[in-house]
Amino acid sequence: QQQQQQQQQQQQQQQQQQQQNASDVGVTLTVRQPYASLIVNGFILEDLRYWASSYRGRLWIHASEDAATAPVISLAEASCQQKLLQAAAAGLAGGPPGAPQGGPPGGPPGAPHEGPPGGPPKGAPSACLPPFPSQYPTRCVLGCVQLIDCVAAPGDDCGGSEAFLFRFALPQLLQIQGGDKFWCLPKGLLPTLQASLLPPRWPAVWGPPAALLAPSSSSSSSSSSSSSSSSSSVGGDDASEQQPLQQRTDPTPEEPEAFW
């Protein structure tokens, strides 16, 4: 029976994933770090915005260019940990996840709070919490969530301004499977990546672009020896193919940008 239930759950998840993929139109939201990574990893289920939206469905999360500082990361992780511990303690006490804590887990309602002020009750299973992300990258798409609701934020959260809470569910991390040695990116993804490339940049101490792009002496000698041997073995028909090959391998690149 357990195996049948697991199979049914897997089938339902696959059907749900197919429906989400079919209705996905690429709607994306840019979020600052560390909140972007915390959203796609399931630590944050709400995001405060000063505009409303009627859109519901898959929402891709893009990390902005602003790098998060260590104090901001520590504060955000501590806030998430506190909420998770409170939700876990509420589950142990028989209450709904996220319910306000009136006493320690398993104690009578109204019992004194034994944890630190403003923190989770004593006895919350902190060891069961998942680890926080090890990195908080910027300028990239991290994954997606399901935007399930958009409600007015409480007055205390928005400082008197009209604000809204975007509520998320089903966070999914984006992953591209690598390969051994050289491997090819998905063809459908390649045009998007090419259009997003910035001009080349490197320290000016490495020299001008011509010096960097010039082949080394060892590679040039090996290529000349291989070309001479191939022409002597194949004959004159191969000479007509040398010019197109040289045009393909020695393109004229755009002038890159040096810094420092």
C-alpha atoms as a PDB file:
ATOM      1  CA  GLN A   1       0.000   0.000   0.000  1.00  0.00           C
ATOM      2  CA  GLN A   2       2.817   2.399   0.785  1.00  0.00           C
ATOM      3  CA  GLN A   3       4.421   1.710  -2.572  1.00  0.00           C
ATOM      4  CA  GLN A   4       1.125   2.339  -4.339  1.00  0.00           C
ATOM      5  CA  GLN A   5       0.688   5.597  -2.471  1.00  0.00           C
ATOM      6  CA  GLN A   6       4.209   6.667  -3.376  1.00  0.00           C
ATOM      7  CA  GLN A   7       3.604   5.821  -7.024  1.00  0.00           C
ATOM      8  CA  GLN A   8       0.369   7.788  -7.021  1.00  0.00           C
ATOM      9  CA  GLN A   9       2.117  10.755  -5.439  1.00  0.00           C
ATOM     10  CA  GLN A  10       4.873  10.602  -8.038  1.00  0.00           C
ATOM     11  CA  GLN A  11       2.326  10.470 -10.844  1.00  0.00           C
ATOM     12  CA  GLN A  12       0.477  13.436  -9.397  1.00  0.00           C
ATOM     13  CA  GLN A  13       3.714  15.379  -9.093  1.00  0.00           C
ATOM     14  CA  GLN A  14       4.633  14.573 -12.688  1.00  0.00           C
ATOM     15  CA  GLN A  15       1.215  15.667 -13.931  1.00  0.00           C
ATOM     16  CA  GLN A  16       1.445  18.844 -11.870  1.00  0.00           C
ATOM     17  CA  GLN A  17       4.906  19.548 -13.260  1.00  0.00           C
ATOM     18  CA  GLN A  18       3.681  19.038 -16.827  1.00  0.00           C
ATOM     19  CA  GLN A  19       0.788  21.433 -16.274  1.00  0.00           C
ATOM     20  CA  GLN A  20       3.127  24.036 -14.822  1.00  0.00           C
ATOM     21  CA  ASN A  21       5.521  23.661 -17.747  1.00  0.00           C
ATOM     22  CA  ALA A  22       2.683  24.015 -20.244  1.00  0.00           C
ATOM     23  CA  SER A  23       1.401  27.245 -18.678  1.00  0.00           C
ATOM     24  CA  ASP A  24       4.872  28.719 -18.070  1.00  0.00           C
ATOM     25  CA  VAL A  25       5.370  31.960 -20.035  1.00  0.00           C
ATOM     26  CA  GLY A  26       8.638  32.978 -18.373  1.00  0.00           C
ATOM     27  CA  VAL A  27       7.364  35.583 -15.890  1.00  0.00           C
ATOM     28  CA  THR A  28      10.344  36.590 -13.735  1.00  0.00           C
ATOM     29  CA  LEU A  29      10.851  38.631 -10.576  1.00  0.00           C
ATOM     30  CA  THR A  30      14.184  40.205  -9.643  1.00  0.00           C
ATOM     31  CA  VAL A  31      14.965  39.885  -5.933  1.00  0.00           C
ATOM     32  CA  ARG A  32      17.954  41.061  -3.923  1.00  0.00           C
ATOM     33  CA  GLN A  33      20.241  38.617  -2.207  1.00  0.00           C
ATOM     34  CA  PRO A  34      20.131  36.857   0.204  1.00  0.00           C
ATOM     35  CA  TYR A  35      16.344  36.811  -0.174  1.00  0.00           C
ATOM     36  CA  ALA A  36      16.404  35.446  -3.734  1.00  0.00           C
ATOM     37  CA  SER A  37      18.260  32.281  -2.706  1.00  0.00           C
ATOM     38  CA  LEU A  38      16.199  31.924   0.457  1.00  0.00           C
ATOM     39  CA  ILE A  39      13.007  32.031  -1.638  1.00  0.00           C
ATOM     40  CA  VAL A  40      14.000  29.312  -4.121  1.00  0.00           C
ATOM     41  CA  ASN A  41      15.321  27.152  -1.259  1.00  0.00           C
ATOM     42  CA  GLY A  42      11.975  27.320   0.553  1.00  0.00           C
ATOM     43  CA  PHE A  43      13.023  29.418   3.553  1.00  0.00           C
ATOM     44  CA  ILE A  44      10.907  32.460   2.585  1.00  0.00           C
ATOM     45  CA  LEU A  45       7.270  32.024   1.552  1.00  0.00           C
ATOM     46  CA  GLU A  46       6.293  35.709   1.282  1.00  0.00           C
ATOM     47  CA  ASP A  47       7.819  38.769  -0.354  1.00  0.00           C
ATOM     48  CA  LEU A  48       6.803  42.355   0.395  1.00  0.00           C
ATOM     49  CA  ARG A  49       6.125  44.503  -2.670  1.00  0.00           C
ATOM     50  CA  TYR A  50       4.659  47.972  -3.102  1.00  0.00           C
ATOM     51  CA  TRP A  51       2.555  46.970  -6.080  1.00  0.00           C
ATOM     52  CA  ALA A  52      -0.125  44.349  -6.643  1.00  0.00           C
ATOM     53  CA  SER A  53      -0.481  41.714  -9.339  1.00  0.00           C
ATOM     54  CA  SER A  54      -3.261  39.448 -10.526  1.00  0.00           C
ATOM     55  CA  TYR A  55      -0.788  36.977 -12.022  1.00  0.00           C
ATOM     56  CA  ARG A  56      -0.824  33.460 -10.602  1.00  0.00           C
ATOM     57  CA  GLY A  57       1.438  30.636 -11.645  1.00  0.00           C
ATOM     58  CA  ARG A  58       5.115  29.893 -12.099  1.00  0.00           C
ATOM     59  CA  LEU A  59       7.411  32.771 -11.236  1.00  0.00           C
ATOM     60  CA  TRP A  60      11.115  32.636 -12.015  1.00  0.00           C
ATOM     61  CA  ILE A  61      13.415  34.239  -9.430  1.00  0.00           C
ATOM     62  CA  HIS A  62      16.326  36.332 -10.684  1.00  0.00           C
ATOM     63  CA  ALA A  63      19.030  37.526  -8.282  1.00  0.00           C
ATOM     64  CA  SER A  64      19.887  41.198  -8.682  1.00  0.00           C
ATOM     65  CA  GLU A  65      23.415  42.529  -9.117  1.00  0.00           C
ATOM     66  CA  ASP A  66      23.690  43.730  -5.513  1.00  0.00           C
ATOM     67  CA  ALA A  67      25.857  41.381  -3.450  1.00  0.00           C
ATOM     68  CA  ALA A  68      24.650  40.670   0.074  1.00  0.00           C
ATOM     69  CA  THR A  69      26.867  41.635   2.990  1.00  0.00           C
ATOM     70  CA  ALA A  70      27.662  39.234   5.822  1.00  0.00           C
ATOM     71  CA  PRO A  71      25.528  41.114   8.416  1.00  0.00           C
ATOM     72  CA  VAL A  72      22.513  41.127   6.090  1.00  0.00           C
ATOM     73  CA  ILE A  73      22.910  37.400   5.404  1.00  0.00           C
ATOM     74  CA  SER A  74      23.199  36.608   9.110  1.00  0.00           C
ATOM     75  CA  LEU A  75      20.127  38.677   9.940  1.00  0.00           C
ATOM     76  CA  ALA A  76      18.039  37.091   7.175  1.00  0.00           C
ATOM     77  CA  GLU A  77      19.093  33.560   8.114  1.00  0.00           C
ATOM     78  CA  ALA A  78      18.375  34.206  11.792  1.00  0.00           C
ATOM     79  CA  SER A  79      14.887  35.473  10.935  1.00  0.00           C
ATOM     80  CA  CYS A  80      14.177  32.408   8.786  1.00  0.00           C
ATOM     81  CA  GLN A  81      15.496  30.073  11.466  1.00  0.00           C
ATOM     82  CA  GLN A  82      13.275  31.656  14.098  1.00  0.00           C
ATOM     83  CA  LYS A  83      10.157  31.276  11.944  1.00  0.00           C
ATOM     84  CA  LEU A  84      11.005  27.678  11.081  1.00  0.00           C
ATOM     85  CA  LEU A  85      11.591  26.770  14.716  1.00  0.00           C
ATOM     86  CA  GLN A  86       8.308  28.376  15.717  1.00  0.00           C
ATOM     87  CA  ALA A  87       6.496  26.419  13.004  1.00  0.00           C
ATOM     88  CA  ALA A  88       8.195  23.182  14.087  1.00  0.00           C
ATOM     89  CA  ALA A  89       7.355  23.813  17.734  1.00  0.00           C
ATOM     90  CA  ALA A  90       3.730  24.538  16.819  1.00  0.00           C
ATOM     91  CA  GLY A  91       3.558  21.189  15.053  1.00  0.00           C
ATOM     92  CA  LEU A  92       4.925  19.403  18.127  1.00  0.00           C
ATOM     93  CA  ALA A  93       2.402  21.180  20.327  1.00  0.00           C
ATOM     94  CA  GLY A  94      -0.464  20.074  18.093  1.00  0.00           C
ATOM     95  CA  GLY A  95      -1.122  23.476  16.574  1.00  0.00           C
ATOM     96  CA  PRO A  96      -1.006  24.498  12.931  1.00  0.00           C
ATOM     97  CA  PRO A  97       2.403  25.394  11.470  1.00  0.00           C
ATOM     98  CA  GLY A  98       3.220  29.041  12.020  1.00  0.00           C
ATOM     99  CA  ALA A  99       0.706  29.475  14.830  1.00  0.00           C
ATOM    100  CA  PRO A 100       1.585  31.876  17.667  1.00  0.00           C
ATOM    101  CA  GLN A 101       3.315  30.208  20.553  1.00  0.00           C
ATOM    102  CA  GLY A 102       1.566  30.431  23.912  1.00  0.00           C
ATOM    103  CA  GLY A 103       3.720  27.901  25.709  1.00  0.00           C
ATOM    104  CA  PRO A 104       6.346  25.232  25.343  1.00  0.00           C
ATOM    105  CA  PRO A 105       5.747  22.208  23.071  1.00  0.00           C
ATOM    106  CA  GLY A 106       3.414  19.723  24.716  1.00  0.00           C
ATOM    107  CA  GLY A 107       2.456  22.079  27.540  1.00  0.00           C
ATOM    108  CA  PRO A 108      -0.977  23.496  28.389  1.00  0.00           C
ATOM    109  CA  PRO A 109      -2.197  26.647  26.636  1.00  0.00           C
ATOM    110  CA  GLY A 110      -0.957  29.781  28.322  1.00  0.00           C
ATOM    111  CA  ALA A 111       2.085  28.109  29.886  1.00  0.00           C
ATOM    112  CA  PRO A 112       5.104  30.380  30.274  1.00  0.00           C
ATOM    113  CA  HIS A 113       7.459  30.681  27.339  1.00  0.00           C
ATOM    114  CA  GLU A 114      10.767  29.003  28.220  1.00  0.00           C
ATOM    115  CA  GLY A 115      12.740  30.119  25.186  1.00  0.00           C
ATOM    116  CA  PRO A 116      14.571  33.410  24.642  1.00  0.00           C
ATOM    117  CA  PRO A 117      12.436  36.560  24.282  1.00  0.00           C
ATOM    118  CA  GLY A 118      11.084  36.766  20.757  1.00  0.00           C
ATOM    119  CA  GLY A 119      12.597  33.412  19.860  1.00  0.00           C
ATOM    120  CA  PRO A 120      11.282  29.870  19.475  1.00  0.00           C
ATOM    121  CA  PRO A 121      10.093  27.883  22.496  1.00  0.00           C
ATOM    122  CA  LYS A 122      12.539  25.688  24.341  1.00  0.00           C
ATOM    123  CA  GLY A 123      12.743  22.201  22.885  1.00  0.00           C
ATOM    124  CA  ALA A 124      12.210  23.175  19.238  1.00  0.00           C
ATOM    125  CA  PRO A 125      13.973  20.668  16.946  1.00  0.00           C
ATOM    126  CA  SER A 126      16.707  22.921  15.546  1.00  0.00           C
ATOM    127  CA  ALA A 127      18.705  19.895  14.381  1.00  0.00           C
ATOM    128  CA  CYS A 128      15.950  19.007  11.900  1.00  0.00           C
ATOM    129  CA  LEU A 129      16.206  22.300  10.026  1.00  0.00           C
ATOM    130  CA  PRO A 130      17.701  22.155   6.521  1.00  0.00           C
ATOM    131  CA  PRO A 131      21.013  23.925   5.921  1.00  0.00           C
ATOM    132  CA  PHE A 132      21.061  27.425   4.517  1.00  0.00           C
ATOM    133  CA  PRO A 133      22.573  28.059   1.071  1.00  0.00           C
ATOM    134  CA  SER A 134      26.363  28.049   1.028  1.00  0.00           C
ATOM    135  CA  GLN A 135      26.470  30.767  -1.637  1.00  0.00           C
ATOM    136  CA  TYR A 136      24.334  33.737  -2.652  1.00  0.00           C
ATOM    137  CA  PRO A 137      25.153  34.390  -6.321  1.00  0.00           C
ATOM    138  CA  THR A 138      24.102  37.527  -8.185  1.00  0.00           C
ATOM    139  CA  ARG A 139      23.000  38.369 -11.749  1.00  0.00           C
ATOM    140  CA  CYS A 140      21.540  34.955 -12.471  1.00  0.00           C
ATOM    141  CA  VAL A 141      18.280  33.011 -12.526  1.00  0.00           C
ATOM    142  CA  LEU A 142      18.201  30.740  -9.479  1.00  0.00           C
ATOM    143  CA  GLY A 143      14.957  28.804  -9.886  1.00  0.00           C
ATOM    144  CA  CYS A 144      11.222  29.293  -9.679  1.00  0.00           C
ATOM    145  CA  VAL A 145       8.246  29.252  -7.324  1.00  0.00           C
ATOM    146  CA  GLN A 146       4.502  29.209  -7.692  1.00  0.00           C
ATOM    147  CA  LEU A 147       2.892  32.583  -7.020  1.00  0.00           C
ATOM    148  CA  ILE A 148      -0.322  31.493  -5.319  1.00  0.00           C
ATOM    149  CA  ASP A 149      -1.667  34.740  -3.853  1.00  0.00           C
ATOM    150  CA  CYS A 150      -1.190  38.482  -3.484  1.00  0.00           C
ATOM    151  CA  VAL A 151      -2.742  40.043  -0.385  1.00  0.00           C
ATOM    152  CA  ALA A 152      -2.587  43.402   1.329  1.00  0.00           C
ATOM    153  CA  ALA A 153       0.244  43.573   3.844  1.00  0.00           C
ATOM    154  CA  PRO A 154      -0.449  44.489   7.467  1.00  0.00           C
ATOM    155  CA  GLY A 155       0.111  48.116   8.326  1.00  0.00           C
ATOM    156  CA  ASP A 156       3.012  47.269  10.622  1.00  0.00           C
ATOM    157  CA  ASP A 157       4.949  45.654   7.762  1.00  0.00           C
ATOM    158  CA  CYS A 158       4.763  48.505   5.277  1.00  0.00           C
ATOM    159  CA  GLY A 159       5.196  51.616   7.420  1.00  0.00           C
ATOM    160  CA  GLY A 160       1.916  53.210   6.410  1.00  0.00           C
ATOM    161  CA  SER A 161       2.423  52.781   2.640  1.00  0.00           C
ATOM    162  CA  GLU A 162       0.222  50.547   0.541  1.00  0.00           C
ATOM    163  CA  ALA A 163       2.054  47.249   0.226  1.00  0.00           C
ATOM    164  CA  PHE A 164       1.281  43.683  -0.729  1.00  0.00           C
ATOM    165  CA  LEU A 165       2.562  40.252   0.178  1.00  0.00           C
ATOM    166  CA  PHE A 166       3.349  37.862  -2.653  1.00  0.00           C
ATOM    167  CA  ARG A 167       2.849  34.323  -1.340  1.00  0.00           C
ATOM    168  CA  PHE A 168       4.928  31.513  -2.784  1.00  0.00           C
ATOM    169  CA  ALA A 169       4.782  27.720  -2.872  1.00  0.00           C
ATOM    170  CA  LEU A 170       6.612  24.805  -4.504  1.00  0.00           C
ATOM    171  CA  PRO A 171      10.118  26.326  -4.709  1.00  0.00           C
ATOM    172  CA  GLN A 172      12.385  24.680  -7.282  1.00  0.00           C
ATOM    173  CA  LEU A 173      16.107  25.208  -7.813  1.00  0.00           C
ATOM    174  CA  LEU A 174      17.454  25.558 -11.328  1.00  0.00           C
ATOM    175  CA  GLN A 175      20.120  23.022 -12.218  1.00  0.00           C
ATOM    176  CA  ILE A 176      21.967  22.247 -15.435  1.00  0.00           C
ATOM    177  CA  GLN A 177      23.569  18.825 -15.523  1.00  0.00           C
ATOM    178  CA  GLY A 178      27.232  19.019 -16.476  1.00  0.00           C
ATOM    179  CA  GLY A 179      29.358  16.466 -18.252  1.00  0.00           C
ATOM    180  CA  ASP A 180      32.833  14.981 -18.495  1.00  0.00           C
ATOM    181  CA  LYS A 181      35.398  17.072 -20.416  1.00  0.00           C
ATOM    182  CA  PHE A 182      33.641  19.232 -23.043  1.00  0.00           C
ATOM    183  CA  TRP A 183      29.848  19.187 -23.148  1.00  0.00           C
ATOM    184  CA  CYS A 184      27.208  21.198 -25.001  1.00  0.00           C
ATOM    185  CA  LEU A 185      24.599  23.513 -23.558  1.00  0.00           C
ATOM    186  CA  PRO A 186      20.966  22.890 -24.519  1.00  0.00           C
ATOM    187  CA  LYS A 187      20.345  24.422 -27.942  1.00  0.00           C
ATOM    188  CA  GLY A 188      17.200  26.159 -26.757  1.00  0.00           C
ATOM    189  CA  LEU A 189      19.172  27.918 -24.008  1.00  0.00           C
ATOM    190  CA  LEU A 190      22.172  28.911 -26.116  1.00  0.00           C
ATOM    191  CA  PRO A 191      20.659  31.969 -27.930  1.00  0.00           C
ATOM    192  CA  THR A 192      19.544  33.473 -24.622  1.00  0.00           C
ATOM    193  CA  LEU A 193      22.999  33.059 -23.113  1.00  0.00           C
ATOM    194  CA  GLN A 194      24.687  34.501 -26.196  1.00  0.00           C
ATOM    195  CA  ALA A 195      22.449  37.565 -26.120  1.00  0.00           C
ATOM    196  CA  SER A 196      23.311  38.136 -22.445  1.00  0.00           C
ATOM    197  CA  LEU A 197      27.099  38.108 -22.866  1.00  0.00           C
ATOM    198  CA  LEU A 198      29.001  41.206 -21.737  1.00  0.00           C
ATOM    199  CA  PRO A 199      32.159  42.513 -23.489  1.00  0.00           C
ATOM    200  CA  PRO A 200      35.322  40.602 -22.529  1.00  0.00           C
ATOM    201  CA  ARG A 201      37.301  42.078 -19.615  1.00  0.00           C
ATOM    202  CA  TRP A 202      40.608  41.127 -18.029  1.00  0.00           C
ATOM    203  CA  PRO A 203      43.578  42.820 -16.257  1.00  0.00           C
ATOM    204  CA  ALA A 204      45.572  45.048 -18.605  1.00  0.00           C
ATOM    205  CA  VAL A 205      48.836  43.590 -17.251  1.00  0.00           C
ATOM    206  CA  TRP A 206      48.185  40.487 -19.356  1.00  0.00           C
ATOM    207  CA  GLY A 207      48.904  42.535 -22.461  1.00  0.00           C
ATOM    208  CA  PRO A 208      46.910  43.662 -25.527  1.00  0.00           C
ATOM    209  CA  PRO A 209      44.207  41.468 -27.077  1.00  0.00           C
ATOM    210  CA  ALA A 210      46.398  40.579 -30.068  1.00  0.00           C
ATOM    211  CA  ALA A 211      48.996  39.010 -27.779  1.00  0.00           C
ATOM    212  CA  LEU A 212      46.373  36.995 -25.939  1.00  0.00           C
ATOM    213  CA  LEU A 213      44.688  35.727 -29.088  1.00  0.00           C
ATOM    214  CA  ALA A 214      47.911  34.878 -30.935  1.00  0.00           C
ATOM    215  CA  PRO A 215      48.704  31.139 -30.998  1.00  0.00           C
ATOM    216  CA  SER A 216      51.721  29.934 -29.068  1.00  0.00           C
ATOM    217  CA  SER A 217      54.895  28.808 -30.835  1.00  0.00           C
ATOM    218  CA  SER A 218      54.317  25.169 -29.935  1.00  0.00           C
ATOM    219  CA  SER A 219      50.784  25.151 -31.276  1.00  0.00           C
ATOM    220  CA  SER A 220      51.783  26.984 -34.465  1.00  0.00           C
ATOM    221  CA  SER A 221      54.666  24.591 -35.163  1.00  0.00           C
ATOM    222  CA  SER A 222      52.459  21.576 -34.561  1.00  0.00           C
ATOM    223  CA  SER A 223      49.747  22.977 -36.790  1.00  0.00           C
ATOM    224  CA  SER A 224      52.226  23.749 -39.593  1.00  0.00           C
ATOM    225  CA  SER A 225      53.727  20.271 -39.432  1.00  0.00           C
ATOM    226  CA  SER A 226      50.312  18.663 -39.453  1.00  0.00           C
ATOM    227  CA  SER A 227      49.188  20.794 -42.399  1.00  0.00           C
ATOM    228  CA  SER A 228      52.312  19.961 -44.422  1.00  0.00           C
ATOM    229  CA  SER A 229      51.948  16.257 -43.734  1.00  0.00           C
ATOM    230  CA  SER A 230      48.281  16.309 -44.638  1.00  0.00           C
ATOM    231  CA  SER A 231      48.914  18.157 -47.912  1.00  0.00           C
ATOM    232  CA  SER A 232      51.692  15.760 -48.921  1.00  0.00           C
ATOM    233  CA  SER A 233      49.582  12.716 -48.140  1.00  0.00           C
ATOM    234  CA  VAL A 234      46.294  13.889 -49.590  1.00  0.00           C
ATOM    235  CA  GLY A 235      47.433  15.898 -52.571  1.00  0.00           C
ATOM    236  CA  GLY A 236      46.363  19.116 -54.226  1.00  0.00           C
ATOM    237  CA  ASP A 237      42.629  18.662 -53.566  1.00  0.00           C
ATOM    238  CA  ASP A 238      43.137  19.527 -49.889  1.00  0.00           C
ATOM    239  CA  ALA A 239      44.648  22.936 -50.688  1.00  0.00           C
ATOM    240  CA  SER A 240      41.282  24.358 -51.675  1.00  0.00           C
ATOM    241  CA  GLU A 241      39.950  23.499 -48.216  1.00  0.00           C
ATOM    242  CA  GLN A 242      42.741  25.235 -46.295  1.00  0.00           C
ATOM    243  CA  GLN A 243      41.501  28.794 -46.886  1.00  0.00           C
ATOM    244  CA  PRO A 244      37.929  28.276 -45.564  1.00  0.00           C
ATOM    245  CA  LEU A 245      39.362  26.432 -42.572  1.00  0.00           C
ATOM    246  CA  GLN A 246      41.704  29.337 -41.811  1.00  0.00           C
ATOM    247  CA  GLN A 247      38.807  31.777 -41.990  1.00  0.00           C
ATOM    248  CA  ARG A 248      36.822  29.731 -39.519  1.00  0.00           C
ATOM    249  CA  THR A 249      39.609  29.307 -36.983  1.00  0.00           C
ATOM    250  CA  ASP A 250      41.044  32.844 -37.125  1.00  0.00           C
ATOM    251  CA  PRO A 251      38.062  35.205 -36.865  1.00  0.00           C
ATOM    252  CA  THR A 252      38.503  38.906 -36.246  1.00  0.00           C
ATOM    253  CA  PRO A 253      37.159  39.450 -32.726  1.00  0.00           C
ATOM    254  CA  GLU A 254      35.710  42.624 -31.352  1.00  0.00           C
ATOM    255  CA  GLU A 255      38.109  44.715 -29.295  1.00  0.00           C
ATOM    256  CA  PRO A 256      37.693  43.516 -25.696  1.00  0.00           C
ATOM    257  CA  GLU A 257      37.703  45.831 -22.727  1.00  0.00           C
ATOM    258  CA  ALA A 258      40.674  45.828 -20.358  1.00  0.00           C
ATOM    259  CA  PHE A 259      40.599  47.039 -16.794  1.00  0.00           C
ATOM    260  CA  TRP A 260      43.038  47.803 -13.955  1.00  0.00           C
END
